[in-house]
Protein backbone atom coordinates (compact mmCIF):
# COMPACT_ATOMS: atom_id res chain seq x y z
CA MET A 1 -37.13 11.31 -44.17
CA THR A 2 -33.74 11.57 -42.60
CA GLY A 3 -35.27 13.44 -39.68
CA LYS A 4 -37.45 10.36 -38.86
CA LEU A 5 -34.52 8.12 -38.53
CA LEU A 6 -33.13 6.88 -35.16
CA ILE A 7 -29.41 6.65 -34.40
CA LYS A 8 -29.69 2.92 -34.35
CA ASP A 9 -30.87 3.05 -38.04
CA VAL A 10 -27.25 4.01 -39.08
CA THR A 11 -25.00 2.35 -36.51
CA ASN A 12 -25.08 -0.14 -33.56
CA LEU A 13 -22.88 -1.51 -30.75
CA VAL A 14 -21.52 -4.96 -30.46
CA ALA A 15 -22.41 -7.05 -27.41
CA PHE A 16 -19.69 -6.65 -24.86
CA GLU A 17 -19.13 -6.78 -21.14
CA PRO A 18 -17.91 -3.40 -19.83
CA ALA A 19 -16.48 -5.01 -16.73
CA ILE A 20 -15.60 -8.60 -15.85
CA LYS A 21 -14.67 -10.31 -12.57
CA LEU A 22 -12.11 -12.94 -13.28
CA GLN A 23 -13.82 -15.79 -11.30
CA ALA A 24 -17.35 -14.81 -12.16
CA ILE A 25 -17.23 -16.27 -15.75
CA SER A 26 -16.11 -19.70 -16.98
CA ALA A 27 -12.80 -19.45 -18.96
CA ASP A 28 -14.13 -21.51 -21.85
CA LEU A 29 -13.67 -20.84 -25.49
CA ARG A 30 -17.39 -21.62 -26.00
CA ASN A 31 -18.33 -18.83 -23.72
CA PRO A 32 -19.77 -15.93 -25.72
CA TYR A 33 -17.37 -13.55 -24.18
CA PHE A 34 -14.58 -15.07 -26.09
CA LYS A 35 -16.39 -14.61 -29.42
CA ASP A 36 -17.09 -10.98 -28.48
CA TYR A 37 -13.56 -10.22 -27.38
CA ILE A 38 -12.13 -7.15 -29.19
CA LEU A 39 -8.67 -8.18 -30.17
CA THR A 40 -5.93 -5.71 -31.41
CA GLN A 41 -2.28 -6.03 -32.34
CA ASP A 42 -1.17 -4.51 -29.09
CA LEU A 43 -3.12 -7.10 -27.12
CA ALA A 44 -2.06 -9.85 -29.43
CA ASP A 45 1.62 -8.77 -28.57
CA VAL A 46 1.05 -9.29 -24.85
CA TYR A 47 -0.50 -12.68 -25.39
CA GLU A 48 2.47 -13.54 -27.50
CA ARG A 49 5.01 -12.54 -24.81
CA ILE A 50 3.22 -14.38 -22.05
CA LEU A 51 2.60 -17.61 -24.01
CA SER A 52 6.09 -17.64 -25.41
CA SER A 53 7.53 -17.40 -21.88
CA ILE A 54 5.98 -20.76 -20.83
CA LEU A 55 6.17 -22.48 -24.27
CA GLY A 56 9.77 -21.30 -24.96
CA THR A 57 13.06 -22.96 -24.51
CA GLY A 58 16.61 -21.99 -23.58
CA TRP A 59 15.90 -20.94 -20.10
CA GLY A 60 18.62 -19.44 -17.87
CA SER A 61 19.50 -20.98 -14.52
CA THR A 62 19.33 -17.78 -12.33
CA ALA A 63 15.78 -16.41 -12.11
CA SER A 64 16.74 -12.92 -11.16
CA THR A 65 19.07 -12.47 -14.14
CA LEU A 66 16.77 -13.87 -16.79
CA PRO A 67 16.13 -11.54 -19.66
CA ALA A 68 12.45 -10.23 -19.61
CA GLU A 69 11.36 -12.42 -22.52
CA ARG A 70 12.36 -15.57 -20.63
CA ARG A 71 10.50 -14.83 -17.26
CA ARG A 72 7.48 -16.77 -16.63
CA SER A 73 6.22 -14.23 -14.18
CA HIS A 74 4.37 -11.34 -15.56
CA LEU A 75 2.82 -8.12 -14.31
CA ILE A 76 0.25 -6.36 -16.32
CA SER A 77 -0.60 -2.77 -15.32
CA ALA A 78 -3.41 -0.48 -16.62
CA GLN A 79 -6.13 1.72 -15.29
CA TYR A 80 -9.68 0.49 -14.36
CA GLY A 81 -11.81 -0.34 -17.33
CA THR A 82 -8.91 -1.21 -19.59
CA GLY A 83 -9.83 -4.94 -19.87
CA LYS A 84 -7.41 -6.53 -17.65
CA SER A 85 -9.81 -8.94 -16.06
CA TYR A 86 -11.16 -9.83 -19.61
CA PHE A 87 -7.57 -10.25 -20.79
CA LEU A 88 -6.91 -12.75 -17.98
CA MET A 89 -10.05 -14.63 -18.71
CA ILE A 90 -9.18 -14.97 -22.38
CA LEU A 91 -5.73 -16.25 -21.32
CA SER A 92 -7.17 -18.71 -19.08
CA ALA A 93 -9.47 -20.01 -21.87
CA LEU A 94 -6.52 -20.31 -24.21
CA LEU A 95 -4.44 -22.29 -21.75
CA ASN A 96 -7.42 -24.46 -20.93
CA ALA A 97 -7.69 -25.39 -24.58
CA GLY A 98 -4.39 -27.36 -24.38
CA GLY A 99 -4.84 -30.93 -25.36
CA ASP A 100 -8.33 -30.25 -26.93
CA PRO A 101 -8.07 -30.13 -30.81
CA THR A 102 -11.57 -28.57 -31.07
CA ARG A 103 -11.00 -25.76 -28.61
CA LEU A 104 -7.50 -25.09 -29.99
CA GLN A 105 -8.93 -24.72 -33.37
CA THR A 106 -11.41 -22.21 -32.06
CA ALA A 107 -8.57 -20.34 -30.37
CA LYS A 108 -6.56 -20.32 -33.61
CA GLU A 109 -9.52 -18.93 -35.55
CA LYS A 110 -9.81 -16.06 -33.08
CA PHE A 111 -6.09 -15.35 -33.53
CA ARG A 112 -5.76 -16.21 -37.22
CA ALA A 113 -4.71 -12.61 -38.14
CA PHE A 114 -1.88 -12.73 -35.59
CA ARG A 115 0.68 -15.21 -36.88
CA GLU A 116 2.99 -15.41 -33.82
CA VAL A 117 0.21 -16.14 -31.44
CA HIS A 118 -1.39 -18.58 -33.83
CA GLY A 119 1.91 -20.58 -34.00
CA LEU A 120 2.31 -20.63 -30.24
CA LEU A 121 -1.28 -21.91 -29.78
CA SER A 122 -0.07 -25.00 -31.83
CA GLN A 123 2.44 -25.76 -29.16
CA LEU A 124 -0.40 -26.09 -26.64
CA SER A 125 -1.57 -29.36 -28.25
CA ASP A 126 0.37 -31.59 -25.92
CA LYS A 127 0.04 -29.30 -22.81
CA LYS A 128 -2.49 -29.48 -19.97
CA PHE A 129 -2.74 -26.58 -17.53
CA LEU A 130 -4.27 -26.39 -14.13
CA ILE A 131 -5.61 -23.00 -14.04
CA ILE A 132 -5.79 -21.06 -10.70
CA GLN A 133 -7.70 -17.92 -11.03
CA ILE A 134 -7.72 -15.46 -7.98
CA SER A 135 -9.72 -12.25 -7.62
CA ALA A 136 -7.66 -10.88 -4.76
CA GLU A 137 -9.46 -7.66 -3.84
CA ASP A 138 -11.28 -9.05 -0.89
CA LYS A 139 -8.46 -11.28 0.48
CA GLY A 140 -6.04 -8.82 2.07
CA ASP A 141 -6.26 -10.55 5.44
CA ILE A 142 -4.67 -13.70 3.95
CA ARG A 143 -0.92 -13.85 3.74
CA PHE A 144 0.17 -14.09 0.12
CA ARG A 145 1.74 -17.57 0.32
CA GLU A 146 -1.33 -18.94 2.07
CA LEU A 147 -3.50 -17.35 -0.67
CA LEU A 148 -1.48 -19.19 -3.25
CA VAL A 149 -1.51 -22.48 -1.36
CA ARG A 150 -5.14 -22.36 -0.59
CA SER A 151 -6.16 -21.55 -4.12
CA LEU A 152 -3.83 -24.34 -5.42
CA LEU A 153 -5.30 -26.91 -3.15
CA ASP A 154 -8.85 -25.89 -3.98
CA GLN A 155 -8.18 -26.60 -7.63
CA VAL A 156 -6.13 -29.71 -7.04
CA THR A 157 -8.87 -31.27 -4.84
CA SER A 158 -11.29 -30.56 -7.62
CA VAL A 159 -9.30 -32.98 -9.79
CA LEU A 160 -8.10 -35.27 -7.06
CA PRO A 161 -10.76 -35.13 -4.27
CA ASP A 162 -8.80 -37.37 -1.78
CA VAL A 163 -5.32 -35.83 -2.30
CA ALA A 164 -3.12 -35.15 0.76
CA PHE A 165 -0.24 -32.64 0.87
CA SER A 166 2.73 -32.50 3.21
CA ASN A 167 2.08 -28.96 4.14
CA GLU A 168 1.76 -27.02 7.35
CA TYR A 169 -1.99 -27.79 7.75
CA THR A 170 -1.68 -31.60 7.17
CA GLU A 171 1.42 -31.60 9.48
CA ALA A 172 -0.81 -29.93 12.18
CA ILE A 173 -3.51 -32.50 11.64
CA SER A 174 -0.91 -35.27 12.03
CA GLN A 175 0.57 -33.58 15.19
CA LEU A 176 -2.97 -33.14 16.61
CA GLU A 177 -3.74 -36.87 16.24
CA GLY A 178 -0.55 -37.51 18.24
CA VAL A 179 -1.72 -35.12 20.94
CA GLU A 180 -5.13 -36.75 21.22
CA SER A 181 -3.53 -40.15 21.96
CA SER A 182 -0.96 -38.86 24.39
CA SER A 183 -1.00 -37.94 28.05
CA ILE A 184 -1.51 -34.29 27.34
CA GLY A 185 -4.59 -34.86 25.16
CA GLN A 186 -7.01 -34.12 27.97
CA ALA A 187 -5.28 -30.91 28.93
CA PHE A 188 -5.15 -29.83 25.26
CA ALA A 189 -8.83 -30.46 24.87
CA GLN A 190 -9.65 -28.55 28.00
CA VAL A 191 -7.70 -25.49 26.73
CA LEU A 192 -9.64 -25.64 23.47
CA ASP A 193 -12.93 -25.94 25.17
CA GLU A 194 -12.49 -23.23 27.80
CA GLN A 195 -10.26 -20.69 25.99
CA PHE A 196 -11.31 -21.12 22.36
CA GLU A 197 -14.84 -22.61 22.66
CA THR A 198 -13.99 -25.37 20.18
CA SER A 199 -13.21 -29.07 20.32
CA LEU A 200 -10.55 -31.31 18.96
CA GLN A 201 -12.97 -32.52 16.33
CA GLN A 202 -13.91 -29.00 15.22
CA LEU A 203 -10.26 -27.94 15.12
CA ARG A 204 -9.33 -30.96 13.07
CA ALA A 205 -12.13 -29.97 10.59
CA LYS A 206 -10.89 -26.41 10.32
CA LEU A 207 -7.30 -27.52 9.61
CA GLY A 208 -8.65 -29.86 6.94
CA ARG A 209 -10.28 -26.87 5.16
CA TYR A 210 -7.00 -24.99 5.41
CA ASP A 211 -8.49 -22.51 7.77
CA ARG A 212 -5.89 -19.87 8.89
CA ASP A 213 -7.78 -19.08 12.06
CA GLY A 214 -7.77 -22.83 12.89
CA LEU A 215 -4.08 -23.08 12.42
CA HIS A 216 -3.53 -20.12 14.72
CA THR A 217 -5.81 -21.60 17.30
CA TYR A 218 -3.77 -24.89 17.17
CA TYR A 219 -0.44 -23.16 17.83
CA LYS A 220 -1.90 -20.96 20.54
CA ALA A 221 -3.62 -23.87 22.33
CA TRP A 222 -0.40 -25.87 22.11
CA GLU A 223 1.55 -23.09 23.71
CA ARG A 224 -0.96 -22.71 26.57
CA ALA A 225 -1.55 -26.36 27.22
CA ILE A 226 2.07 -27.48 26.93
CA GLY A 227 3.78 -24.30 28.27
CA ARG A 228 6.13 -23.83 25.17
CA LYS A 229 5.81 -22.73 21.58
CA LEU A 230 5.54 -25.35 18.85
CA GLY A 231 8.15 -25.15 16.18
CA ARG A 232 6.35 -24.36 12.89
CA ASP A 233 7.02 -25.83 9.66
CA VAL A 234 7.13 -22.95 7.20
CA LEU A 235 4.55 -23.11 4.38
CA ASP A 236 6.81 -23.94 1.51
CA VAL A 237 5.03 -22.76 -1.53
CA GLU A 238 7.58 -24.15 -3.86
CA THR A 239 7.48 -27.59 -2.37
CA THR A 240 3.69 -27.60 -2.42
CA PHE A 241 3.48 -26.41 -6.11
CA GLN A 242 5.95 -29.04 -7.13
CA GLU A 243 4.14 -31.75 -5.15
CA ALA A 244 0.98 -30.71 -6.84
CA LEU A 245 2.46 -31.16 -10.34
CA ASP A 246 3.74 -34.63 -9.26
CA LEU A 247 0.31 -35.66 -8.08
CA LEU A 248 -1.40 -34.19 -11.17
CA GLU A 249 0.91 -35.92 -13.72
CA PRO A 250 -1.03 -39.15 -13.91
CA LYS A 251 -4.12 -37.09 -14.85
CA GLY A 252 -2.25 -35.63 -17.75
CA TYR A 253 -1.37 -32.25 -16.28
CA THR A 254 1.95 -30.73 -17.38
CA HIS A 255 1.75 -27.10 -16.07
CA ILE A 256 0.20 -24.84 -13.55
CA ALA A 257 -0.87 -21.26 -14.33
CA VAL A 258 -1.67 -18.80 -11.55
CA LEU A 259 -3.70 -15.67 -12.72
CA ILE A 260 -4.24 -13.01 -10.09
CA ASP A 261 -6.51 -10.04 -10.63
CA GLU A 262 -6.75 -6.89 -8.56
CA LEU A 263 -3.26 -7.30 -7.03
CA THR A 264 -3.01 -3.48 -6.31
CA THR A 265 -6.09 -3.78 -4.20
CA TYR A 266 -4.76 -6.87 -2.47
CA LEU A 267 -1.44 -5.32 -1.64
CA ASN A 268 -3.25 -2.05 -0.33
CA ALA A 269 -5.51 -4.30 1.89
CA SER A 270 -2.79 -6.68 2.88
CA ALA A 271 -0.68 -3.72 4.35
CA GLY A 272 -3.36 -3.39 7.08
CA HIS A 273 -2.78 -7.00 8.26
CA HIS A 274 0.83 -7.77 7.37
CA SER A 275 4.11 -6.07 6.61
CA LEU A 276 4.19 -4.87 3.06
CA ALA A 277 7.91 -5.80 2.84
CA GLU A 278 7.00 -9.35 3.77
CA THR A 279 4.21 -9.62 1.30
CA LEU A 280 6.44 -8.30 -1.45
CA GLY A 281 9.14 -10.78 -0.43
CA GLU A 282 6.68 -13.65 -0.77
CA LEU A 283 5.48 -12.28 -4.15
CA GLN A 284 9.09 -12.01 -5.32
CA ALA A 285 9.85 -15.61 -4.06
CA PHE A 286 7.04 -17.11 -5.97
CA ALA A 287 7.98 -15.22 -9.17
CA ALA A 288 11.51 -16.55 -8.77
CA TYR A 289 10.17 -20.05 -8.39
CA CYS A 290 8.08 -19.73 -11.59
CA ASN A 291 11.06 -18.31 -13.43
CA LYS A 292 13.06 -21.57 -12.79
CA PRO A 293 13.41 -23.74 -15.81
CA THR A 294 12.00 -26.74 -13.80
CA SER A 295 8.87 -25.16 -12.40
CA ASN A 296 6.43 -25.53 -15.22
CA CYS A 297 4.63 -22.70 -13.69
CA LEU A 298 3.14 -19.50 -15.26
CA PHE A 299 2.36 -16.51 -13.06
CA VAL A 300 0.40 -13.57 -14.42
CA ALA A 301 -0.89 -10.75 -12.07
CA ALA A 302 -2.88 -7.59 -12.95
CA MET A 303 -2.57 -4.13 -11.28
CA HIS A 304 -4.29 -0.88 -11.97
CA VAL A 305 -1.08 1.05 -11.55
CA SER A 306 2.49 0.03 -12.51
CA VAL A 307 4.43 -1.79 -9.75
CA LYS A 308 7.03 1.16 -10.04
CA ASP A 309 4.42 3.74 -9.33
CA PHE A 310 2.78 1.76 -6.59
CA LEU A 311 6.08 1.26 -4.71
CA GLN A 312 7.48 4.73 -5.22
CA ASP A 313 4.21 6.19 -3.82
CA ARG A 314 5.11 4.15 -0.67
CA SER A 315 8.76 5.04 -0.69
CA GLN A 316 9.77 1.50 -1.60
CA GLN A 317 12.22 2.02 -4.37
CA ARG A 318 14.51 -0.68 -3.10
CA ASP A 319 11.68 -3.17 -3.32
CA TYR A 320 10.95 -2.10 -6.88
CA ASP A 321 14.66 -2.86 -7.74
CA LYS A 322 14.11 -6.39 -6.47
CA MET A 323 10.83 -6.79 -8.22
CA LYS A 324 11.74 -5.70 -11.65
CA GLY A 325 14.28 -8.42 -11.88
CA ARG A 326 11.71 -11.03 -11.24
CA PHE A 327 8.83 -9.97 -13.57
CA ASP A 328 8.21 -9.16 -17.19
CA GLU A 329 6.20 -6.00 -16.89
CA HIS A 330 3.63 -5.10 -19.51
CA ALA A 331 2.08 -1.58 -19.69
CA PHE A 332 -1.32 -2.73 -20.90
CA PRO A 333 -2.50 -1.18 -24.20
CA VAL A 334 -4.43 1.91 -23.40
CA TYR A 335 -7.99 2.03 -24.50
CA SER A 336 -7.48 4.72 -27.10
CA SER A 337 -10.19 5.96 -29.47
CA LYS A 338 -9.03 3.34 -32.01
CA LEU A 339 -9.69 0.49 -29.58
CA LEU A 340 -12.90 2.03 -28.30
CA ALA A 341 -14.09 2.16 -31.88
CA GLY A 342 -13.96 -1.65 -31.93
CA VAL A 343 -17.44 -1.84 -30.33
CA PHE A 344 -19.22 0.35 -32.88
CA ARG A 345 -20.76 -1.28 -35.92
CA PRO A 346 -21.88 1.28 -38.61
CA LYS A 347 -24.59 0.05 -41.01
CA ASP A 348 -24.46 -0.03 -44.77
CA THR A 349 -26.67 2.93 -44.92
CA PHE A 350 -24.41 5.22 -42.81
CA ASP A 351 -22.58 6.91 -45.75
CA GLU A 352 -25.71 7.51 -47.79
CA VAL A 353 -27.55 9.08 -44.71
CA MET A 354 -24.47 11.26 -43.85
CA GLU A 355 -24.57 12.72 -47.39
CA GLY A 356 -27.49 14.79 -46.26
CA HIS A 357 -25.37 16.40 -43.43
CA ARG A 358 -22.21 16.92 -45.55
CA ASP A 359 -21.21 20.25 -44.02
CA GLN A 360 -21.48 18.94 -40.37
CA VAL A 361 -19.75 15.72 -41.31
CA GLU A 362 -16.85 17.74 -42.91
CA ASP A 363 -16.48 19.82 -39.83
CA LEU A 364 -16.42 16.80 -37.56
CA THR A 365 -13.88 15.14 -39.97
CA ASP A 366 -11.65 18.20 -39.64
CA LEU A 367 -11.77 17.65 -35.86
CA ILE A 368 -10.77 14.13 -36.13
CA GLU A 369 -7.58 15.31 -38.08
CA THR A 370 -7.01 18.00 -35.55
CA PHE A 371 -7.07 15.43 -32.58
CA GLU A 372 -4.86 13.26 -34.82
CA MET A 373 -7.14 10.29 -34.35
CA VAL A 374 -5.68 7.74 -36.75
CA ASP A 375 -5.99 4.05 -37.72
CA ASP A 376 -2.99 2.47 -39.61
CA GLY A 377 -1.71 5.99 -40.38
CA GLN A 378 -4.97 7.28 -41.79
CA PRO A 379 -7.46 9.46 -40.03
CA MET A 380 -10.22 7.64 -38.49
CA ARG A 381 -13.77 7.83 -40.06
CA LEU A 382 -16.64 9.42 -38.24
CA SER A 383 -18.45 6.10 -38.61
CA ALA A 384 -15.90 4.40 -36.33
CA PHE A 385 -17.37 5.88 -33.24
CA PHE A 386 -20.60 7.54 -34.13
CA PRO A 387 -22.62 8.96 -32.40
CA LEU A 388 -19.67 10.02 -30.26
CA HIS A 389 -18.60 13.61 -31.06
CA PRO A 390 -14.84 13.52 -31.96
CA ALA A 391 -13.98 15.45 -28.90
CA ALA A 392 -15.78 12.96 -26.77
CA ALA A 393 -14.24 10.03 -28.57
CA TYR A 394 -10.81 11.56 -28.14
CA TYR A 395 -11.01 12.55 -24.51
CA LEU A 396 -13.12 9.57 -23.11
CA PRO A 397 -10.25 7.10 -22.71
CA ARG A 398 -7.99 9.72 -21.41
CA ILE A 399 -10.46 10.87 -18.77
CA SER A 400 -11.20 7.23 -17.88
CA ARG A 401 -7.46 6.78 -17.36
CA GLU A 402 -7.38 9.70 -14.94
CA LEU A 403 -10.68 9.11 -13.13
CA GLY A 404 -11.75 5.49 -14.06
CA GLN A 405 -12.91 3.28 -11.15
CA ALA A 406 -14.07 -0.29 -11.05
CA GLU A 407 -17.56 0.73 -11.67
CA ARG A 408 -17.04 3.72 -14.03
CA THR A 409 -14.87 3.23 -17.19
CA SER A 410 -14.78 4.35 -20.85
CA PHE A 411 -16.46 1.12 -21.85
CA GLY A 412 -19.05 1.44 -19.02
CA PHE A 413 -19.95 4.91 -20.58
CA VAL A 414 -20.42 3.45 -24.00
CA ASP A 415 -22.64 0.61 -22.43
CA GLU A 416 -24.74 2.89 -20.26
CA VAL A 417 -24.84 6.32 -22.08
CA VAL A 418 -24.27 5.59 -25.76
CA ARG A 419 -26.29 2.44 -25.95
CA GLN A 420 -29.29 4.38 -24.52
CA LYS A 421 -28.56 7.12 -27.01
CA LEU A 422 -29.16 4.76 -30.02
CA ALA A 423 -32.86 4.99 -29.48
CA GLU A 424 -32.91 8.78 -29.95
CA PRO A 425 -33.53 10.54 -33.23
CA LEU A 426 -30.58 10.90 -35.58
CA VAL A 427 -31.26 14.58 -36.16
CA GLU A 428 -32.45 17.19 -33.53
CA GLU A 429 -32.88 20.83 -34.61
CA GLN A 430 -31.38 20.04 -38.05
CA ARG A 431 -28.00 18.91 -36.44
CA LEU A 432 -26.70 15.36 -35.91
CA ASN A 433 -27.67 14.25 -32.43
CA LEU A 434 -24.30 13.44 -30.85
CA VAL A 435 -22.84 12.29 -27.44
CA THR A 436 -20.82 15.29 -26.46
CA LEU A 437 -17.87 15.90 -24.15
CA ASP A 438 -20.09 17.37 -21.29
CA GLN A 439 -21.86 14.05 -21.07
CA VAL A 440 -18.52 12.42 -20.45
CA PHE A 441 -17.82 14.77 -17.56
CA ASP A 442 -21.24 14.23 -16.18
CA TYR A 443 -20.63 10.51 -16.12
CA PHE A 444 -17.35 10.69 -14.33
CA LEU A 445 -18.34 13.59 -11.88
CA PRO A 446 -18.87 11.12 -8.90
CA ALA A 447 -15.21 10.08 -9.47
CA MET A 448 -14.11 13.76 -9.69
CA GLU A 449 -15.88 14.58 -6.44
CA GLN A 450 -13.80 11.99 -4.63
CA LYS A 451 -10.49 13.76 -5.52
CA GLU A 452 -9.62 17.01 -3.66
CA TYR A 453 -7.88 18.56 -6.80
CA TYR A 454 -10.98 18.14 -8.89
CA LEU A 455 -13.24 19.44 -6.18
CA GLN A 456 -11.12 22.68 -6.30
CA VAL A 457 -11.54 22.82 -10.05
CA ILE A 458 -15.18 22.29 -9.85
CA ALA A 459 -15.58 24.87 -7.22
């Protein structure tokens, strides 16, 4: 009878999303992604650290000398597929729950086993956050401060459609209106038409959309029409964020949270358009602003390598020395075999069925002990990750750390390979039908082929 069983008759996988794009899913506690989120003590510790930074008291006055636990600027680093985007989405949902008793209760239920986070969530009851979520991987052509301000204004105008800011764009619109009514208006319009193939009305519309090219066109047209450069008002991020908080206060908003995903990809792409040193300077300046006790701003960014490794690879050690004083850095919990096991759900029949394969189960259990795969100090059970062979369960997260890409991760392997395996017979040729280590290497082979070292190994 056992030979007729399928793997799915003894175990199953929970519903989960192997990869999440931060802005693609609504950050709402009613979203099924929140219910399905796999929460561990390591993850809860990071949530506690971040939430306590914005909800805590006793802030110092000098941002660069704040102890890490008092910085409101955070960098999360981990390899692809380790749940950084998912983490940011859940954080966004938690902050969004502020002021809503029903949503806060849902959040508390999720974190009921984690007392410190549970207590911090209670402090959200009188807070209301404007959440700014940025997936930055395709925005490398935009200066960091412009990216911040654009994203802020998009969110503010969703709450206050007619709001006006005293920033560089609105200042340009105001100056443009003066040009139109002055004696140089005709010459300016002619330059726009002949050299930029646009009109005053079209340029004004671009500036109103905070279009970077429109702003550059305005400055170039001014220089060519008037014969001198126009003094530019620097886009003041700190002033704009503070102005946003003042404008939002009548709507009950008390804080702003900026959550940026794929910061590594953004920095790499940005280096092709702007000086990396300038971009890092703008990043540090915003972090310093958020760390001020008066800012009411939380900043959390995710990278797939540590900022130290990123900068050292580019001989930017001096920049790292500046960065580390601005941010509280979190080495994201690695997706170990224990965390990976969170997606497996053995059925009540598992132990009974395995009795018929006692010798093989004992051999596999010995391997679990050899690999030192433990949960709360005790060897993990085979049921925790079945049908993965212990070697596959042990090495999968480690191979993913080395070779993982946005589209190929340990959880992607489980979702694509293991989920399909569930429909196969439990036993083949009188042996348990397991997902083995060679299948893990097959899955990551395309990533290996992109790295010269592994090409030599394969050859």
